[in-house]
C-alpha cells in the first residue's frame, strides 16, 4: 500500500497536548520519556544476562527512518539534511517541472537556505522517499517518545508476558506482513532499550491476528493491542484463551486512563496507511529461524 502523509486539512493532533488534555501526561508510574539519541545503537543486542541468546533489532538507520515518517511538521522539528543531498534532490530529473519544485538558480539558493524541517516538507510533498533515509532527525517525535513509555510499561509488563513467544491456540491466525507466523515475536527488556522499543513497535505495526491489525490506525479501538486487554465480554475481538490471561483495561463504556492513553497514542500516529513498512526491511528472529 502506498505511503502517504496526512494533508493540511487532516493534521495530526500533537500527542503531548492530547494526553495533557485527558489528564494522562503523568499517568501510571512515570512521565513521558525525553528524546533519546539513537546514533550509537547497534543492530544486535543481547537480552538480560550475558548468557542469553542474541536477538535481531532494528538498526540506527531503521530507527531514524521511522522517526522521519513519524515527524509532526506542526512542531517544526529539528532535522538536518546535508547540502549535497539537497543538491542531488534539486537536480533529480524525477522531480523536474513538478508544481512546487524549485527551479532556477535563485529558487535553488532560497531552498538551500531554508530550515531543515522546511526542506523535509518539500521531500514529503514530492514523495521523495529515496531521500528520507538521508534526513537526520535531531529530536524524537512525540509519537515515538510516547511509545517508549508504553513499551516499558504496557508491552513489557502485560502484553509481552501474557501473549508473546507462546502458542495462542488454533483459533488465532497470526501474520507478519501477510506471512504466517506461529508466535508474537516481541523482545523483552534488555540493555539496548531504545532499539528494543522501536523493534517491538515495528513488529506490532506489521502484524495481524485473524486479519485484525495489532495497531489499527483507521479504527484505533479495534487494535488487537486494545482488544486483548479488555474483559472478554466487552471485547469485539476476544483475547485468546490462554493460562495467565487477565483483563488490563475496564470495559469500553467505563472510564479508564490507561486504555485512553493507548487509544490516544494510536490516534496520534502520523505517517502512513495501515500496512506500511516505513521503508524498513526487517524479519524478526523467529522468522529468520524459520527460513534456515
Foldseek 3Di string as FASTA:
>chain_A
DDWAFDDPVDAFDALCVVCVVVVNQQPDDGGQDFFDQQPPPAQKFAADDPPGDIWGFHHSLLVQLLQLQQARCVVVFQKDADPVLLVCVLPPPVCPPPPPRQDDDVSSVVLSPDGPSVVSVVCNVSVVSVSSSRMGGPTGGSLLSLLLVCCVPVVQPPVCVPFFPDALDPQKFKDFLNHTDRGQHQDHDHDSSSRSSVRSVLRQLRMDIVNARCQALVDRCLHVSNQCQEDQVQHPDYGGPDPPGDHNAYHPVDDTSVSVSSSSSSPRRTGGHRSDNSPDDDDTPRVVVVVD
